[in-house]
Amino acid sequence: MCSYLDAPLDREIEPLLAFLPRLSAEGVVAVLRWDGGEKTDSRGFVMPWPVYDAVVKEFFEAAGQEC
């Protein structure tokens, strides 16, 4: 089992580095828009959240893999 204190291995970093060209490509916008931010009937508030581009979601999924 690994810890967040362990240094990542090259084999763990390589798949993430492969996203760089896609994430930095011209025209790619990480956050497409913000949703939420409405008041509710019970005087509450729904906090806004970002809606991400598909490549950002893929990166998050890859970055969240177990080591």
N, C-alpha and C. Protein backbone atom coordinates (compact mmCIF):
# COMPACT_ATOMS: atom_id res chain seq x y z
N MET A 1 0.85 -1.19 0.00
CA MET A 1 0.00 0.00 0.00
C MET A 1 0.88 1.24 0.00
N CYS A 2 0.48 2.23 -0.75
CA CYS A 2 1.29 3.44 -0.82
C CYS A 2 0.65 4.55 0.02
N SER A 3 1.44 5.54 0.31
CA SER A 3 1.01 6.67 1.10
C SER A 3 1.14 7.93 0.25
N TYR A 4 0.40 8.95 0.58
CA TYR A 4 0.54 10.21 -0.15
C TYR A 4 1.92 10.82 0.08
N LEU A 5 2.66 10.33 1.06
CA LEU A 5 4.01 10.81 1.32
C LEU A 5 5.04 10.14 0.42
N ASP A 6 4.68 9.01 -0.20
CA ASP A 6 5.60 8.32 -1.09
C ASP A 6 5.77 9.11 -2.38
N ALA A 7 6.99 9.14 -2.87
CA ALA A 7 7.24 9.81 -4.16
C ALA A 7 6.62 8.99 -5.27
N PRO A 8 5.97 9.64 -6.24
CA PRO A 8 5.39 8.88 -7.35
C PRO A 8 6.49 8.26 -8.22
N LEU A 9 6.17 7.14 -8.80
CA LEU A 9 7.10 6.45 -9.68
C LEU A 9 6.92 6.94 -11.11
N ASP A 10 7.96 6.78 -11.93
CA ASP A 10 7.87 7.19 -13.33
C ASP A 10 6.68 6.56 -14.03
N ARG A 11 6.42 5.28 -13.75
CA ARG A 11 5.31 4.58 -14.41
C ARG A 11 3.97 5.15 -13.99
N GLU A 12 3.92 5.85 -12.86
CA GLU A 12 2.69 6.49 -12.41
C GLU A 12 2.54 7.90 -13.00
N ILE A 13 3.66 8.54 -13.28
CA ILE A 13 3.65 9.90 -13.79
C ILE A 13 3.45 9.94 -15.30
N GLU A 14 4.01 8.99 -16.01
CA GLU A 14 3.95 8.99 -17.48
C GLU A 14 2.54 9.14 -18.04
N PRO A 15 1.56 8.37 -17.55
CA PRO A 15 0.21 8.55 -18.10
C PRO A 15 -0.35 9.95 -17.89
N LEU A 16 0.05 10.59 -16.78
CA LEU A 16 -0.43 11.95 -16.52
C LEU A 16 0.26 12.96 -17.43
N LEU A 17 1.55 12.77 -17.66
CA LEU A 17 2.28 13.66 -18.57
C LEU A 17 1.74 13.58 -19.99
N ALA A 18 1.20 12.44 -20.34
CA ALA A 18 0.65 12.27 -21.69
C ALA A 18 -0.56 13.19 -21.92
N PHE A 19 -1.15 13.70 -20.87
CA PHE A 19 -2.28 14.63 -21.01
C PHE A 19 -1.84 16.04 -21.36
N LEU A 20 -0.58 16.39 -21.12
CA LEU A 20 -0.13 17.77 -21.33
C LEU A 20 -0.47 18.33 -22.71
N PRO A 21 -0.17 17.63 -23.80
CA PRO A 21 -0.51 18.20 -25.11
C PRO A 21 -2.02 18.42 -25.28
N ARG A 22 -2.82 17.54 -24.74
CA ARG A 22 -4.27 17.68 -24.87
C ARG A 22 -4.80 18.81 -23.99
N LEU A 23 -4.25 18.94 -22.79
CA LEU A 23 -4.71 19.98 -21.87
C LEU A 23 -4.26 21.37 -22.30
N SER A 24 -3.12 21.45 -22.97
CA SER A 24 -2.60 22.75 -23.36
C SER A 24 -2.85 23.08 -24.83
N ALA A 25 -3.64 22.27 -25.51
CA ALA A 25 -3.94 22.51 -26.92
C ALA A 25 -4.74 23.81 -27.07
N GLU A 26 -4.51 24.46 -28.17
CA GLU A 26 -5.23 25.70 -28.45
C GLU A 26 -6.74 25.43 -28.48
N GLY A 27 -7.46 26.29 -27.83
CA GLY A 27 -8.91 26.16 -27.81
C GLY A 27 -9.47 25.35 -26.67
N VAL A 28 -8.62 24.64 -25.93
CA VAL A 28 -9.11 23.85 -24.80
C VAL A 28 -9.34 24.79 -23.62
N VAL A 29 -10.54 24.73 -23.09
CA VAL A 29 -10.90 25.52 -21.92
C VAL A 29 -11.25 24.52 -20.83
N ALA A 30 -10.50 24.55 -19.73
CA ALA A 30 -10.69 23.55 -18.68
C ALA A 30 -12.10 23.61 -18.08
N VAL A 31 -12.55 24.79 -17.71
CA VAL A 31 -13.88 24.97 -17.13
C VAL A 31 -14.79 25.54 -18.21
N LEU A 32 -15.76 24.74 -18.62
CA LEU A 32 -16.67 25.17 -19.68
C LEU A 32 -17.68 26.20 -19.18
N ARG A 33 -18.16 25.98 -17.96
CA ARG A 33 -19.13 26.90 -17.36
C ARG A 33 -19.28 26.53 -15.88
N TRP A 34 -20.01 27.34 -15.18
CA TRP A 34 -20.34 27.08 -13.78
C TRP A 34 -21.83 26.82 -13.69
N ASP A 35 -22.20 25.77 -12.97
CA ASP A 35 -23.60 25.46 -12.71
C ASP A 35 -23.88 25.68 -11.23
N GLY A 36 -25.15 25.63 -10.88
CA GLY A 36 -25.54 25.82 -9.48
C GLY A 36 -25.61 27.30 -9.15
N GLY A 37 -25.44 27.60 -7.89
CA GLY A 37 -25.47 28.98 -7.45
C GLY A 37 -26.86 29.53 -7.26
N GLU A 38 -27.85 28.64 -7.07
CA GLU A 38 -29.23 29.09 -6.91
C GLU A 38 -29.62 29.10 -5.43
N LYS A 39 -30.55 29.96 -5.13
CA LYS A 39 -31.17 29.94 -3.80
C LYS A 39 -32.27 28.87 -3.82
N THR A 40 -32.44 28.20 -2.70
CA THR A 40 -33.49 27.19 -2.59
C THR A 40 -34.70 27.79 -1.87
N ASP A 41 -35.81 27.08 -1.91
CA ASP A 41 -37.03 27.56 -1.26
C ASP A 41 -36.86 27.68 0.25
N SER A 42 -35.98 26.89 0.83
CA SER A 42 -35.82 26.87 2.29
C SER A 42 -34.72 27.83 2.76
N ARG A 43 -34.52 28.91 2.03
CA ARG A 43 -33.52 29.94 2.36
C ARG A 43 -32.09 29.39 2.32
N GLY A 44 -31.91 28.28 1.63
CA GLY A 44 -30.57 27.73 1.46
C GLY A 44 -29.95 28.22 0.17
N PHE A 45 -28.79 27.70 -0.10
CA PHE A 45 -28.07 28.10 -1.31
C PHE A 45 -27.33 26.89 -1.86
N VAL A 46 -27.44 26.65 -3.14
CA VAL A 46 -26.71 25.56 -3.80
C VAL A 46 -25.40 26.16 -4.30
N MET A 47 -24.30 25.68 -3.75
CA MET A 47 -22.99 26.21 -4.14
C MET A 47 -22.73 25.92 -5.62
N PRO A 48 -22.11 26.87 -6.31
CA PRO A 48 -21.77 26.63 -7.72
C PRO A 48 -20.65 25.59 -7.85
N TRP A 49 -20.64 24.91 -8.99
CA TRP A 49 -19.61 23.92 -9.26
C TRP A 49 -19.20 24.05 -10.73
N PRO A 50 -17.93 23.73 -11.00
CA PRO A 50 -17.47 23.84 -12.38
C PRO A 50 -17.91 22.65 -13.23
N VAL A 51 -18.19 22.90 -14.48
CA VAL A 51 -18.45 21.86 -15.47
C VAL A 51 -17.19 21.81 -16.34
N TYR A 52 -16.48 20.69 -16.27
CA TYR A 52 -15.18 20.57 -16.92
C TYR A 52 -15.28 20.01 -18.33
N ASP A 53 -14.30 20.36 -19.15
CA ASP A 53 -14.12 19.77 -20.47
C ASP A 53 -13.84 18.27 -20.29
N ALA A 54 -14.18 17.47 -21.28
CA ALA A 54 -14.01 16.02 -21.19
C ALA A 54 -12.57 15.61 -20.91
N VAL A 55 -11.60 16.29 -21.52
CA VAL A 55 -10.20 15.91 -21.30
C VAL A 55 -9.78 16.17 -19.85
N VAL A 56 -10.34 17.19 -19.23
CA VAL A 56 -10.04 17.47 -17.83
C VAL A 56 -10.62 16.36 -16.95
N LYS A 57 -11.83 15.92 -17.26
CA LYS A 57 -12.43 14.81 -16.50
C LYS A 57 -11.61 13.53 -16.65
N GLU A 58 -11.11 13.28 -17.86
CA GLU A 58 -10.25 12.10 -18.07
C GLU A 58 -8.98 12.21 -17.25
N PHE A 59 -8.39 13.42 -17.22
CA PHE A 59 -7.18 13.62 -16.43
C PHE A 59 -7.46 13.39 -14.94
N PHE A 60 -8.55 13.95 -14.44
CA PHE A 60 -8.90 13.75 -13.03
C PHE A 60 -9.05 12.27 -12.71
N GLU A 61 -9.69 11.53 -13.61
CA GLU A 61 -9.87 10.09 -13.39
C GLU A 61 -8.52 9.37 -13.35
N ALA A 62 -7.64 9.73 -14.27
CA ALA A 62 -6.31 9.10 -14.31
C ALA A 62 -5.50 9.49 -13.07
N ALA A 63 -5.60 10.74 -12.66
CA ALA A 63 -4.84 11.21 -11.49
C ALA A 63 -5.35 10.60 -10.20
N GLY A 64 -6.59 10.17 -10.18
CA GLY A 64 -7.17 9.62 -8.97
C GLY A 64 -7.01 8.11 -8.83
N GLN A 65 -6.28 7.49 -9.75
CA GLN A 65 -6.08 6.04 -9.67
C GLN A 65 -5.21 5.68 -8.47
N GLU A 66 -5.47 4.50 -7.94
CA GLU A 66 -4.62 3.99 -6.86
C GLU A 66 -3.20 3.79 -7.38
N CYS A 67 -2.25 4.02 -6.51
CA CYS A 67 -0.85 3.82 -6.94
C CYS A 67 -0.42 2.38 -6.74
